[in-house]
């Protein structure tokens, strides 16, 4: 299961990086506010990383700790490299990315805690 999650996560990373580096006239308009697009895209990216890390390290808090670092770095690199493709680098875009990440990580951390509390810990005899 973790391999599939990682494959989907990396595929989404490639998709997101491609979409954010298309020239301005080539980006599909979905009719949403730019900052809401960032919030949703990075919320989804954060969810993908969180679930992949959780599946890989099910009993540790790795997902809660690493997801913000990975996603914030990805978002910063994404913004910094956009001017090379005729796009603008905006701090507010990165802040929207960070907000989407925070919502996803907080929500999934709470869900993770609820799931772990309900799953009985197996004991060795």
PDB file of N, CA and C in Angstrom:
ATOM      1  N   UNK A   1       0.818  -1.196   0.000  1.00  0.00           N
ATOM      2  CA  UNK A   1       0.000   0.000   0.000  1.00  0.00           C
ATOM      3  C   UNK A   1       0.864   1.262   0.000  1.00  0.00           C
ATOM      4  N   UNK A   2       1.960   1.240   0.786  1.00  0.00           N
ATOM      5  CA  UNK A   2       2.786   2.447   0.848  1.00  0.00           C
ATOM      6  C   UNK A   2       3.443   2.749  -0.502  1.00  0.00           C
ATOM      7  N   UNK A   3       3.787   1.716  -1.257  1.00  0.00           N
ATOM      8  CA  UNK A   3       4.382   1.951  -2.585  1.00  0.00           C
ATOM      9  C   UNK A   3       3.414   2.670  -3.515  1.00  0.00           C
ATOM     10  N   UNK A   4       2.165   2.256  -3.482  1.00  0.00           N
ATOM     11  CA  UNK A   4       1.149   2.896  -4.313  1.00  0.00           C
ATOM     12  C   UNK A   4       0.961   4.355  -3.888  1.00  0.00           C
ATOM     13  N   UNK A   5       0.905   4.593  -2.601  1.00  0.00           N
ATOM     14  CA  UNK A   5       0.759   5.968  -2.110  1.00  0.00           C
ATOM     15  C   UNK A   5       1.942   6.832  -2.540  1.00  0.00           C
ATOM     16  N   UNK A   6       3.154   6.306  -2.437  1.00  0.00           N
ATOM     17  CA  UNK A   6       4.338   7.069  -2.863  1.00  0.00           C
ATOM     18  C   UNK A   6       4.309   7.332  -4.365  1.00  0.00           C
ATOM     19  N   UNK A   7       3.895   6.354  -5.137  1.00  0.00           N
ATOM     20  CA  UNK A   7       3.795   6.536  -6.586  1.00  0.00           C
ATOM     21  C   UNK A   7       2.807   7.653  -6.917  1.00  0.00           C
ATOM     22  N   UNK A   8       1.646   7.633  -6.281  1.00  0.00           N
ATOM     23  CA  UNK A   8       0.643   8.674  -6.507  1.00  0.00           C
ATOM     24  C   UNK A   8       1.138  10.044  -6.032  1.00  0.00           C
ATOM     25  N   UNK A   9       1.855  10.059  -4.917  1.00  0.00           N
ATOM     26  CA  UNK A   9       2.392  11.318  -4.396  1.00  0.00           C
ATOM     27  C   UNK A   9       3.397  11.922  -5.368  1.00  0.00           C
ATOM     28  N   UNK A  10       4.320  11.118  -5.855  1.00  0.00           N
ATOM     29  CA  UNK A  10       5.322  11.640  -6.793  1.00  0.00           C
ATOM     30  C   UNK A  10       4.695  12.029  -8.129  1.00  0.00           C
ATOM     31  N   UNK A  11       3.688  11.290  -8.560  1.00  0.00           N
ATOM     32  CA  UNK A  11       2.984  11.657  -9.796  1.00  0.00           C
ATOM     33  C   UNK A  11       2.305  13.013  -9.619  1.00  0.00           C
ATOM     34  N   UNK A  12       1.710  13.233  -8.451  1.00  0.00           N
ATOM     35  CA  UNK A  12       1.064  14.522  -8.191  1.00  0.00           C
ATOM     36  C   UNK A  12       2.096  15.645  -8.108  1.00  0.00           C
ATOM     37  N   UNK A  13       3.261  15.367  -7.536  1.00  0.00           N
ATOM     38  CA  UNK A  13       4.342  16.368  -7.488  1.00  0.00           C
ATOM     39  C   UNK A  13       4.730  16.796  -8.907  1.00  0.00           C
ATOM     40  N   UNK A  14       4.867  15.837  -9.790  1.00  0.00           N
ATOM     41  CA  UNK A  14       5.238  16.143 -11.183  1.00  0.00           C
ATOM     42  C   UNK A  14       4.128  16.939 -11.857  1.00  0.00           C
ATOM     43  N   UNK A  15       2.890  16.524 -11.655  1.00  0.00           N
ATOM     44  CA  UNK A  15       1.750  17.244 -12.224  1.00  0.00           C
ATOM     45  C   UNK A  15       1.711  18.681 -11.718  1.00  0.00           C
ATOM     46  N   UNK A  16       1.847  18.856 -10.400  1.00  0.00           N
ATOM     47  CA  UNK A  16       1.770  20.189  -9.800  1.00  0.00           C
ATOM     48  C   UNK A  16       2.908  21.077 -10.290  1.00  0.00           C
ATOM     49  N   UNK A  17       4.111  20.545 -10.334  1.00  0.00           N
ATOM     50  CA  UNK A  17       5.257  21.323 -10.809  1.00  0.00           C
ATOM     51  C   UNK A  17       5.077  21.706 -12.278  1.00  0.00           C
ATOM     52  N   UNK A  18       4.517  20.814 -13.060  1.00  0.00           N
ATOM     53  CA  UNK A  18       4.271  21.114 -14.472  1.00  0.00           C
ATOM     54  C   UNK A  18       3.241  22.232 -14.608  1.00  0.00           C
ATOM     55  N   UNK A  19       2.144  22.125 -13.894  1.00  0.00           N
ATOM     56  CA  UNK A  19       1.077  23.127 -13.990  1.00  0.00           C
ATOM     57  C   UNK A  19       1.538  24.503 -13.509  1.00  0.00           C
ATOM     58  N   UNK A  20       2.379  24.531 -12.491  1.00  0.00           N
ATOM     59  CA  UNK A  20       2.817  25.828 -11.944  1.00  0.00           C
ATOM     60  C   UNK A  20       3.951  26.450 -12.743  1.00  0.00           C
ATOM     61  N   UNK A  21       4.469  25.719 -13.722  1.00  0.00           N
ATOM     62  CA  UNK A  21       5.551  26.267 -14.545  1.00  0.00           C
ATOM     63  C   UNK A  21       5.155  26.458 -16.007  1.00  0.00           C
ATOM     64  N   UNK A  22       3.887  26.246 -16.313  1.00  0.00           N
ATOM     65  CA  UNK A  22       3.400  26.547 -17.657  1.00  0.00           C
ATOM     66  C   UNK A  22       3.403  28.063 -17.853  1.00  0.00           C
ATOM     67  N   UNK A  23       3.661  28.527 -19.061  1.00  0.00           N
ATOM     68  CA  UNK A  23       3.570  29.971 -19.304  1.00  0.00           C
ATOM     69  C   UNK A  23       2.171  30.487 -18.956  1.00  0.00           C
ATOM     70  N   UNK A  24       2.066  31.744 -18.505  1.00  0.00           N
ATOM     71  CA  UNK A  24       0.781  32.280 -18.025  1.00  0.00           C
ATOM     72  C   UNK A  24      -0.413  32.038 -18.944  1.00  0.00           C
ATOM     73  N   UNK A  25      -0.270  32.155 -20.236  1.00  0.00           N
ATOM     74  CA  UNK A  25      -1.386  31.963 -21.148  1.00  0.00           C
ATOM     75  C   UNK A  25      -1.795  30.519 -21.349  1.00  0.00           C
ATOM     76  N   UNK A  26      -0.980  29.575 -20.895  1.00  0.00           N
ATOM     77  CA  UNK A  26      -1.230  28.144 -21.109  1.00  0.00           C
ATOM     78  C   UNK A  26      -1.869  27.447 -19.900  1.00  0.00           C
ATOM     79  N   UNK A  27      -2.035  28.181 -18.806  1.00  0.00           N
ATOM     80  CA  UNK A  27      -2.602  27.590 -17.589  1.00  0.00           C
ATOM     81  C   UNK A  27      -4.123  27.563 -17.714  1.00  0.00           C
ATOM     82  N   UNK A  28      -4.733  26.385 -17.533  1.00  0.00           N
ATOM     83  CA  UNK A  28      -6.197  26.316 -17.620  1.00  0.00           C
ATOM     84  C   UNK A  28      -6.853  27.144 -16.507  1.00  0.00           C
ATOM     85  N   UNK A  29      -7.882  27.887 -16.853  1.00  0.00           N
ATOM     86  CA  UNK A  29      -8.611  28.687 -15.871  1.00  0.00           C
ATOM     87  C   UNK A  29      -9.781  27.863 -15.357  1.00  0.00           C
ATOM     88  N   UNK A  30      -9.741  27.533 -14.061  1.00  0.00           N
ATOM     89  CA  UNK A  30     -10.829  26.738 -13.491  1.00  0.00           C
ATOM     90  C   UNK A  30     -11.866  27.620 -12.800  1.00  0.00           C
ATOM     91  N   UNK A  31     -11.665  28.923 -12.879  1.00  0.00           N
ATOM     92  CA  UNK A  31     -12.647  29.858 -12.351  1.00  0.00           C
ATOM     93  C   UNK A  31     -12.575  30.092 -10.857  1.00  0.00           C
ATOM     94  N   UNK A  32     -11.507  29.638 -10.215  1.00  0.00           N
ATOM     95  CA  UNK A  32     -11.359  29.837  -8.772  1.00  0.00           C
ATOM     96  C   UNK A  32     -10.324  30.929  -8.506  1.00  0.00           C
ATOM     97  N   UNK A  33     -10.393  31.495  -7.338  1.00  0.00           N
ATOM     98  CA  UNK A  33      -9.410  32.469  -6.897  1.00  0.00           C
ATOM     99  C   UNK A  33      -8.034  31.807  -6.861  1.00  0.00           C
ATOM    100  N   UNK A  34      -7.011  32.521  -7.293  1.00  0.00           N
ATOM    101  CA  UNK A  34      -5.649  31.991  -7.353  1.00  0.00           C
ATOM    102  C   UNK A  34      -5.184  31.452  -5.997  1.00  0.00           C
ATOM    103  N   UNK A  35      -5.470  32.174  -4.936  1.00  0.00           N
ATOM    104  CA  UNK A  35      -5.015  31.739  -3.609  1.00  0.00           C
ATOM    105  C   UNK A  35      -5.763  30.491  -3.152  1.00  0.00           C
ATOM    106  N   UNK A  36      -7.042  30.374  -3.527  1.00  0.00           N
ATOM    107  CA  UNK A  36      -7.782  29.153  -3.205  1.00  0.00           C
ATOM    108  C   UNK A  36      -7.244  27.962  -3.990  1.00  0.00           C
ATOM    109  N   UNK A  37      -6.799  28.208  -5.219  1.00  0.00           N
ATOM    110  CA  UNK A  37      -6.171  27.139  -5.997  1.00  0.00           C
ATOM    111  C   UNK A  37      -4.906  26.658  -5.308  1.00  0.00           C
ATOM    112  N   UNK A  38      -4.097  27.590  -4.824  1.00  0.00           N
ATOM    113  CA  UNK A  38      -2.876  27.223  -4.095  1.00  0.00           C
ATOM    114  C   UNK A  38      -3.217  26.449  -2.826  1.00  0.00           C
ATOM    115  N   UNK A  39      -4.191  26.942  -2.072  1.00  0.00           N
ATOM    116  CA  UNK A  39      -4.590  26.291  -0.829  1.00  0.00           C
ATOM    117  C   UNK A  39      -5.023  24.849  -1.099  1.00  0.00           C
ATOM    118  N   UNK A  40      -5.865  24.655  -2.109  1.00  0.00           N
ATOM    119  CA  UNK A  40      -6.335  23.311  -2.427  1.00  0.00           C
ATOM    120  C   UNK A  40      -5.248  22.402  -2.967  1.00  0.00           C
ATOM    121  N   UNK A  41      -4.427  22.937  -3.873  1.00  0.00           N
ATOM    122  CA  UNK A  41      -3.364  22.128  -4.474  1.00  0.00           C
ATOM    123  C   UNK A  41      -2.355  21.666  -3.428  1.00  0.00           C
ATOM    124  N   UNK A  42      -1.982  22.555  -2.522  1.00  0.00           N
ATOM    125  CA  UNK A  42      -0.994  22.194  -1.511  1.00  0.00           C
ATOM    126  C   UNK A  42      -1.607  21.444  -0.336  1.00  0.00           C
ATOM    127  N   UNK A  43      -2.902  21.618  -0.127  1.00  0.00           N
ATOM    128  CA  UNK A  43      -3.593  20.771   0.840  1.00  0.00           C
ATOM    129  C   UNK A  43      -3.594  19.327   0.362  1.00  0.00           C
ATOM    130  N   UNK A  44      -3.862  19.141  -0.930  1.00  0.00           N
ATOM    131  CA  UNK A  44      -3.842  17.801  -1.527  1.00  0.00           C
ATOM    132  C   UNK A  44      -2.431  17.216  -1.511  1.00  0.00           C
ATOM    133  N   UNK A  45      -1.443  18.041  -1.853  1.00  0.00           N
ATOM    134  CA  UNK A  45      -0.053  17.577  -1.821  1.00  0.00           C
ATOM    135  C   UNK A  45       0.339  17.148  -0.404  1.00  0.00           C
ATOM    136  N   UNK A  46      -0.052  17.939   0.569  1.00  0.00           N
ATOM    137  CA  UNK A  46       0.258  17.620   1.964  1.00  0.00           C
ATOM    138  C   UNK A  46      -0.430  16.340   2.401  1.00  0.00           C
ATOM    139  N   UNK A  47      -1.678  16.184   1.992  1.00  0.00           N
ATOM    140  CA  UNK A  47      -2.394  14.950   2.314  1.00  0.00           C
ATOM    141  C   UNK A  47      -1.716  13.730   1.711  1.00  0.00           C
ATOM    142  N   UNK A  48      -1.242  13.872   0.485  1.00  0.00           N
ATOM    143  CA  UNK A  48      -0.556  12.756  -0.176  1.00  0.00           C
ATOM    144  C   UNK A  48       0.735  12.399   0.556  1.00  0.00           C
ATOM    145  N   UNK A  49       1.533  13.415   0.899  1.00  0.00           N
ATOM    146  CA  UNK A  49       2.771  13.135   1.634  1.00  0.00           C
ATOM    147  C   UNK A  49       2.466  12.551   3.011  1.00  0.00           C
ATOM    148  N   UNK A  50       1.487  13.117   3.705  1.00  0.00           N
ATOM    149  CA  UNK A  50       1.138  12.632   5.041  1.00  0.00           C
ATOM    150  C   UNK A  50       0.738  11.160   4.987  1.00  0.00           C
ATOM    151  N   UNK A  51      -0.160  10.810   4.059  1.00  0.00           N
ATOM    152  CA  UNK A  51      -0.616   9.419   3.973  1.00  0.00           C
ATOM    153  C   UNK A  51       0.514   8.475   3.578  1.00  0.00           C
ATOM    154  N   UNK A  52       1.392   8.921   2.678  1.00  0.00           N
ATOM    155  CA  UNK A  52       2.531   8.088   2.276  1.00  0.00           C
ATOM    156  C   UNK A  52       3.469   7.851   3.453  1.00  0.00           C
ATOM    157  N   UNK A  53       3.760   8.911   4.194  1.00  0.00           N
ATOM    158  CA  UNK A  53       4.644   8.768   5.361  1.00  0.00           C
ATOM    159  C   UNK A  53       3.988   7.940   6.460  1.00  0.00           C
ATOM    160  N   UNK A  54       2.695   8.132   6.671  1.00  0.00           N
ATOM    161  CA  UNK A  54       1.965   7.369   7.685  1.00  0.00           C
ATOM    162  C   UNK A  54       1.980   5.884   7.327  1.00  0.00           C
ATOM    163  N   UNK A  55       1.768   5.560   6.054  1.00  0.00           N
ATOM    164  CA  UNK A  55       1.778   4.156   5.630  1.00  0.00           C
ATOM    165  C   UNK A  55       3.167   3.539   5.764  1.00  0.00           C
ATOM    166  N   UNK A  56       4.199   4.353   5.578  1.00  0.00           N
ATOM    167  CA  UNK A  56       5.570   3.860   5.668  1.00  0.00           C
ATOM    168  C   UNK A  56       6.027   3.717   7.114  1.00  0.00           C
ATOM    169  N   UNK A  57       5.615   4.647   7.955  1.00  0.00           N
ATOM    170  CA  UNK A  57       5.990   4.650   9.388  1.00  0.00           C
ATOM    171  C   UNK A  57       4.721   4.736  10.231  1.00  0.00           C
ATOM    172  N   UNK A  58       3.948   3.650  10.320  1.00  0.00           N
ATOM    173  CA  UNK A  58       2.618   3.723  10.939  1.00  0.00           C
ATOM    174  C   UNK A  58       2.588   4.052  12.434  1.00  0.00           C
ATOM    175  N   UNK A  59       3.583   3.729  13.173  1.00  0.00           N
ATOM    176  CA  UNK A  59       3.552   3.940  14.623  1.00  0.00           C
ATOM    177  C   UNK A  59       4.365   5.143  15.090  1.00  0.00           C
ATOM    178  N   UNK A  60       4.864   5.930  14.184  1.00  0.00           N
ATOM    179  CA  UNK A  60       5.685   7.084  14.552  1.00  0.00           C
ATOM    180  C   UNK A  60       5.009   8.364  14.071  1.00  0.00           C
ATOM    181  N   UNK A  61       5.470   9.492  14.571  1.00  0.00           N
ATOM    182  CA  UNK A  61       4.910  10.797  14.201  1.00  0.00           C
ATOM    183  C   UNK A  61       5.660  11.423  13.027  1.00  0.00           C
ATOM    184  N   UNK A  62       6.259  10.593  12.199  1.00  0.00           N
ATOM    185  CA  UNK A  62       7.052  11.067  11.073  1.00  0.00           C
ATOM    186  C   UNK A  62       6.207  11.920  10.127  1.00  0.00           C
ATOM    187  N   UNK A  63       4.986  11.495   9.851  1.00  0.00           N
ATOM    188  CA  UNK A  63       4.131  12.218   8.911  1.00  0.00           C
ATOM    189  C   UNK A  63       3.847  13.636   9.393  1.00  0.00           C
ATOM    190  N   UNK A  64       3.546  13.775  10.674  1.00  0.00           N
ATOM    191  CA  UNK A  64       3.243  15.098  11.237  1.00  0.00           C
ATOM    192  C   UNK A  64       4.468  15.995  11.228  1.00  0.00           C
ATOM    193  N   UNK A  65       5.646  15.430  11.416  1.00  0.00           N
ATOM    194  CA  UNK A  65       6.870  16.230  11.489  1.00  0.00           C
ATOM    195  C   UNK A  65       7.466  16.539  10.114  1.00  0.00           C
ATOM    196  N   UNK A  66       7.474  15.556   9.218  1.00  0.00           N
ATOM    197  CA  UNK A  66       8.141  15.743   7.930  1.00  0.00           C
ATOM    198  C   UNK A  66       7.277  16.403   6.858  1.00  0.00           C
ATOM    199  N   UNK A  67       5.986  16.166   6.883  1.00  0.00           N
ATOM    200  CA  UNK A  67       5.132  16.733   5.835  1.00  0.00           C
ATOM    201  C   UNK A  67       5.276  18.250   5.728  1.00  0.00           C
ATOM    202  N   UNK A  68       5.208  19.004   6.830  1.00  0.00           N
ATOM    203  CA  UNK A  68       5.381  20.458   6.686  1.00  0.00           C
ATOM    204  C   UNK A  68       6.721  20.844   6.079  1.00  0.00           C
ATOM    205  N   UNK A  69       7.786  20.184   6.495  1.00  0.00           N
ATOM    206  CA  UNK A  69       9.112  20.507   5.965  1.00  0.00           C
ATOM    207  C   UNK A  69       9.198  20.244   4.465  1.00  0.00           C
ATOM    208  N   UNK A  70       8.706  19.098   4.046  1.00  0.00           N
ATOM    209  CA  UNK A  70       8.768  18.724   2.633  1.00  0.00           C
ATOM    210  C   UNK A  70       7.919  19.669   1.789  1.00  0.00           C
ATOM    211  N   UNK A  71       6.691  19.900   2.223  1.00  0.00           N
ATOM    212  CA  UNK A  71       5.753  20.690   1.421  1.00  0.00           C
ATOM    213  C   UNK A  71       6.144  22.164   1.388  1.00  0.00           C
ATOM    214  N   UNK A  72       6.601  22.710   2.510  1.00  0.00           N
ATOM    215  CA  UNK A  72       7.032  24.112   2.505  1.00  0.00           C
ATOM    216  C   UNK A  72       8.263  24.310   1.622  1.00  0.00           C
ATOM    217  N   UNK A  73       9.167  23.355   1.646  1.00  0.00           N
ATOM    218  CA  UNK A  73      10.354  23.442   0.775  1.00  0.00           C
ATOM    219  C   UNK A  73       9.950  23.301  -0.692  1.00  0.00           C
ATOM    220  N   UNK A  74       9.063  22.370  -0.984  1.00  0.00           N
ATOM    221  CA  UNK A  74       8.576  22.183  -2.349  1.00  0.00           C
ATOM    222  C   UNK A  74       7.917  23.468  -2.854  1.00  0.00           C
ATOM    223  N   UNK A  75       7.072  24.069  -2.018  1.00  0.00           N
ATOM    224  CA  UNK A  75       6.389  25.304  -2.392  1.00  0.00           C
ATOM    225  C   UNK A  75       7.344  26.456  -2.616  1.00  0.00           C
ATOM    226  N   UNK A  76       8.357  26.570  -1.767  1.00  0.00           N
ATOM    227  CA  UNK A  76       9.350  27.641  -1.924  1.00  0.00           C
ATOM    228  C   UNK A  76      10.142  27.441  -3.215  1.00  0.00           C
ATOM    229  N   UNK A  77      10.584  26.231  -3.460  1.00  0.00           N
ATOM    230  CA  UNK A  77      11.327  25.936  -4.696  1.00  0.00           C
ATOM    231  C   UNK A  77      10.445  26.195  -5.919  1.00  0.00           C
ATOM    232  N   UNK A  78       9.196  25.818  -5.815  1.00  0.00           N
ATOM    233  CA  UNK A  78       8.244  26.044  -6.896  1.00  0.00           C
ATOM    234  C   UNK A  78       8.116  27.540  -7.201  1.00  0.00           C
ATOM    235  N   UNK A  79       7.947  28.355  -6.179  1.00  0.00           N
ATOM    236  CA  UNK A  79       7.808  29.804  -6.376  1.00  0.00           C
ATOM    237  C   UNK A  79       9.104  30.433  -6.905  1.00  0.00           C
ATOM    238  N   UNK A  80      10.223  30.019  -6.351  1.00  0.00           N
ATOM    239  CA  UNK A  80      11.520  30.612  -6.740  1.00  0.00           C
ATOM    240  C   UNK A  80      11.857  30.322  -8.202  1.00  0.00           C
ATOM    241  N   UNK A  81      11.450  29.154  -8.699  1.00  0.00           N
ATOM    242  CA  UNK A  81      11.797  28.783 -10.075  1.00  0.00           C
ATOM    243  C   UNK A  81      10.796  29.285 -11.118  1.00  0.00           C
ATOM    244  N   UNK A  82       9.646  29.760 -10.723  1.00  0.00           N
ATOM    245  CA  UNK A  82       8.631  30.198 -11.684  1.00  0.00           C
ATOM    246  C   UNK A  82       9.072  31.357 -12.583  1.00  0.00           C
ATOM    247  N   UNK A  83       9.850  32.343 -12.096  1.00  0.00           N
ATOM    248  CA  UNK A  83      10.273  33.427 -13.003  1.00  0.00           C
ATOM    249  C   UNK A  83      11.053  32.947 -14.231  1.00  0.00           C
ATOM    250  N   UNK A  84      11.708  31.808 -14.143  1.00  0.00           N
ATOM    251  CA  UNK A  84      12.434  31.266 -15.289  1.00  0.00           C
ATOM    252  C   UNK A  84      11.489  30.808 -16.400  1.00  0.00           C
ATOM    253  N   UNK A  85      10.202  30.709 -16.073  1.00  0.00           N
ATOM    254  CA  UNK A  85       9.201  30.248 -17.035  1.00  0.00           C
ATOM    255  C   UNK A  85       8.159  31.330 -17.331  1.00  0.00           C
ATOM    256  N   UNK A  86       8.514  32.582 -17.042  1.00  0.00           N
ATOM    257  CA  UNK A  86       7.615  33.690 -17.335  1.00  0.00           C
ATOM    258  C   UNK A  86       6.503  33.889 -16.334  1.00  0.00           C
ATOM    259  N   UNK A  87       6.613  33.245 -15.189  1.00  0.00           N
ATOM    260  CA  UNK A  87       5.612  33.379 -14.122  1.00  0.00           C
ATOM    261  C   UNK A  87       6.192  34.247 -13.019  1.00  0.00           C
ATOM    262  N   UNK A  88       5.337  34.677 -12.100  1.00  0.00           N
ATOM    263  CA  UNK A  88       5.829  35.521 -11.011  1.00  0.00           C
ATOM    264  C   UNK A  88       6.026  34.703  -9.740  1.00  0.00           C
ATOM    265  N   UNK A  89       6.972  35.135  -8.938  1.00  0.00           N
ATOM    266  CA  UNK A  89       7.245  34.537  -7.630  1.00  0.00           C
ATOM    267  C   UNK A  89       6.544  35.421  -6.600  1.00  0.00           C
ATOM    268  N   UNK A  90       5.562  34.859  -5.891  1.00  0.00           N
ATOM    269  CA  UNK A  90       4.782  35.651  -4.949  1.00  0.00           C
ATOM    270  C   UNK A  90       4.791  35.022  -3.559  1.00  0.00           C
ATOM    271  N   UNK A  91       5.118  35.833  -2.568  1.00  0.00           N
ATOM    272  CA  UNK A  91       5.090  35.371  -1.181  1.00  0.00           C
ATOM    273  C   UNK A  91       3.671  34.954  -0.792  1.00  0.00           C
ATOM    274  N   UNK A  92       2.658  35.675  -1.252  1.00  0.00           N
ATOM    275  CA  UNK A  92       1.274  35.330  -0.905  1.00  0.00           C
ATOM    276  C   UNK A  92       0.860  33.972  -1.452  1.00  0.00           C
ATOM    277  N   UNK A  93       1.418  33.575  -2.592  1.00  0.00           N
ATOM    278  CA  UNK A  93       1.148  32.233  -3.107  1.00  0.00           C
ATOM    279  C   UNK A  93       1.728  31.186  -2.159  1.00  0.00           C
ATOM    280  N   UNK A  94       2.951  31.427  -1.708  1.00  0.00           N
ATOM    281  CA  UNK A  94       3.595  30.487  -0.788  1.00  0.00           C
ATOM    282  C   UNK A  94       2.837  30.435   0.547  1.00  0.00           C
ATOM    283  N   UNK A  95       2.331  31.578   1.002  1.00  0.00           N
ATOM    284  CA  UNK A  95       1.547  31.602   2.240  1.00  0.00           C
ATOM    285  C   UNK A  95       0.237  30.825   2.072  1.00  0.00           C
ATOM    286  N   UNK A  96      -0.369  30.905   0.897  1.00  0.00           N
ATOM    287  CA  UNK A  96      -1.563  30.106   0.624  1.00  0.00           C
ATOM    288  C   UNK A  96      -1.208  28.615   0.601  1.00  0.00           C
ATOM    289  N   UNK A  97      -0.049  28.290   0.026  1.00  0.00           N
ATOM    290  CA  UNK A  97       0.440  26.898   0.046  1.00  0.00           C
ATOM    291  C   UNK A  97       0.589  26.421   1.489  1.00  0.00           C
ATOM    292  N   UNK A  98       1.194  27.262   2.316  1.00  0.00           N
ATOM    293  CA  UNK A  98       1.439  26.914   3.720  1.00  0.00           C
ATOM    294  C   UNK A  98       0.125  26.738   4.481  1.00  0.00           C
ATOM    295  N   UNK A  99      -0.862  27.550   4.162  1.00  0.00           N
ATOM    296  CA  UNK A  99      -2.168  27.428   4.820  1.00  0.00           C
ATOM    297  C   UNK A  99      -2.834  26.111   4.441  1.00  0.00           C
ATOM    298  N   UNK A 100      -2.799  25.757   3.157  1.00  0.00           N
ATOM    299  CA  UNK A 100      -3.354  24.473   2.722  1.00  0.00           C
ATOM    300  C   UNK A 100      -2.648  23.309   3.400  1.00  0.00           C
ATOM    301  N   UNK A 101      -1.313  23.423   3.517  1.00  0.00           N
ATOM    302  CA  UNK A 101      -0.533  22.382   4.182  1.00  0.00           C
ATOM    303  C   UNK A 101      -0.949  22.270   5.646  1.00  0.00           C
ATOM    304  N   UNK A 102      -1.063  23.395   6.331  1.00  0.00           N
ATOM    305  CA  UNK A 102      -1.401  23.384   7.761  1.00  0.00           C
ATOM    306  C   UNK A 102      -2.778  22.759   8.002  1.00  0.00           C
ATOM    307  N   UNK A 103      -3.746  23.116   7.185  1.00  0.00           N
ATOM    308  CA  UNK A 103      -5.089  22.543   7.327  1.00  0.00           C
ATOM    309  C   UNK A 103      -5.042  21.029   7.142  1.00  0.00           C
ATOM    310  N   UNK A 104      -4.344  20.572   6.121  1.00  0.00           N
ATOM    311  CA  UNK A 104      -4.261  19.133   5.848  1.00  0.00           C
ATOM    312  C   UNK A 104      -3.531  18.390   6.966  1.00  0.00           C
ATOM    313  N   UNK A 105      -2.400  18.913   7.398  1.00  0.00           N
ATOM    314  CA  UNK A 105      -1.608  18.222   8.428  1.00  0.00           C
ATOM    315  C   UNK A 105      -2.348  18.186   9.761  1.00  0.00           C
ATOM    316  N   UNK A 106      -2.969  19.279  10.156  1.00  0.00           N
ATOM    317  CA  UNK A 106      -3.717  19.292  11.421  1.00  0.00           C
ATOM    318  C   UNK A 106      -4.882  18.310  11.350  1.00  0.00           C
ATOM    319  N   UNK A 107      -5.624  18.348  10.260  1.00  0.00           N
ATOM    320  CA  UNK A 107      -6.770  17.450  10.103  1.00  0.00           C
ATOM    321  C   UNK A 107      -6.334  15.984  10.120  1.00  0.00           C
ATOM    322  N   UNK A 108      -5.306  15.652   9.352  1.00  0.00           N
ATOM    323  CA  UNK A 108      -4.857  14.259   9.283  1.00  0.00           C
ATOM    324  C   UNK A 108      -4.173  13.800  10.569  1.00  0.00           C
ATOM    325  N   UNK A 109      -3.525  14.702  11.271  1.00  0.00           N
ATOM    326  CA  UNK A 109      -2.938  14.342  12.566  1.00  0.00           C
ATOM    327  C   UNK A 109      -4.041  13.980  13.555  1.00  0.00           C
ATOM    328  N   UNK A 110      -5.114  14.755  13.572  1.00  0.00           N
ATOM    329  CA  UNK A 110      -6.239  14.448  14.464  1.00  0.00           C
ATOM    330  C   UNK A 110      -6.891  13.127  14.085  1.00  0.00           C
ATOM    331  N   UNK A 111      -7.068  12.892  12.790  1.00  0.00           N
ATOM    332  CA  UNK A 111      -7.640  11.622  12.328  1.00  0.00           C
ATOM    333  C   UNK A 111      -6.722  10.467  12.706  1.00  0.00           C
ATOM    334  N   UNK A 112      -5.418  10.653  12.535  1.00  0.00           N
ATOM    335  CA  UNK A 112      -4.440   9.620  12.881  1.00  0.00           C
ATOM    336  C   UNK A 112      -4.550   9.263  14.360  1.00  0.00           C
ATOM    337  N   UNK A 113      -4.665  10.276  15.212  1.00  0.00           N
ATOM    338  CA  UNK A 113      -4.790  10.021  16.661  1.00  0.00           C
ATOM    339  C   UNK A 113      -6.047   9.223  16.980  1.00  0.00           C
ATOM    340  N   UNK A 114      -7.151   9.568  16.327  1.00  0.00           N
ATOM    341  CA  UNK A 114      -8.393   8.832  16.559  1.00  0.00           C
ATOM    342  C   UNK A 114      -8.275   7.387  16.100  1.00  0.00           C
ATOM    343  N   UNK A 115      -7.665   7.177  14.941  1.00  0.00           N
ATOM    344  CA  UNK A 115      -7.510   5.819  14.408  1.00  0.00           C
ATOM    345  C   UNK A 115      -6.607   4.992  15.309  1.00  0.00           C
ATOM    346  N   UNK A 116      -5.490   5.556  15.742  1.00  0.00           N
ATOM    347  CA  UNK A 116      -4.542   4.811  16.578  1.00  0.00           C
ATOM    348  C   UNK A 116      -5.167   4.455  17.928  1.00  0.00           C
ATOM    349  N   UNK A 117      -5.981   5.338  18.481  1.00  0.00           N
ATOM    350  CA  UNK A 117      -6.644   5.038  19.754  1.00  0.00           C
ATOM    351  C   UNK A 117      -7.622   3.878  19.626  1.00  0.00           C
ATOM    352  N   UNK A 118      -8.232   3.739  18.453  1.00  0.00           N
ATOM    353  CA  UNK A 118      -9.236   2.691  18.260  1.00  0.00           C
ATOM    354  C   UNK A 118      -8.641   1.356  17.838  1.00  0.00           C
ATOM    355  N   UNK A 119      -7.422   1.368  17.334  1.00  0.00           N
ATOM    356  CA  UNK A 119      -6.784   0.118  16.913  1.00  0.00           C
ATOM    357  C   UNK A 119      -6.062  -0.467  18.108  1.00  0.00           C
ATOM    358  N   UNK A 120      -6.442  -1.668  18.533  1.00  0.00           N
ATOM    359  CA  UNK A 120      -5.784  -2.265  19.692  1.00  0.00           C
ATOM    360  C   UNK A 120      -4.316  -2.590  19.383  1.00  0.00           C
ATOM    361  N   UNK A 121      -3.488  -2.367  20.372  1.00  0.00           N
ATOM    362  CA  UNK A 121      -2.077  -2.679  20.244  1.00  0.00           C
ATOM    363  C   UNK A 121      -1.898  -4.172  20.477  1.00  0.00           C
ATOM    364  N   UNK A 122      -1.278  -4.849  19.523  1.00  0.00           N
ATOM    365  CA  UNK A 122      -1.081  -6.290  19.689  1.00  0.00           C
ATOM    366  C   UNK A 122       0.044  -6.546  20.692  1.00  0.00           C
ATOM    367  N   UNK A 123      -0.144  -7.557  21.502  1.00  0.00           N
ATOM    368  CA  UNK A 123       0.873  -7.923  22.483  1.00  0.00           C
ATOM    369  C   UNK A 123       1.399  -9.296  22.143  1.00  0.00           C
ATOM    370  N   UNK A 124       2.670  -9.468  22.367  1.00  0.00           N
ATOM    371  CA  UNK A 124       3.308 -10.766  22.117  1.00  0.00           C
ATOM    372  C   UNK A 124       3.153 -11.634  23.339  1.00  0.00           C
ATOM    373  N   UNK A 125       2.845 -12.909  23.118  1.00  0.00           N
ATOM    374  CA  UNK A 125       2.724 -13.869  24.237  1.00  0.00           C
ATOM    375  C   UNK A 125       3.955 -14.679  24.349  1.00  0.00           C
TER     376      UNK A 125
END
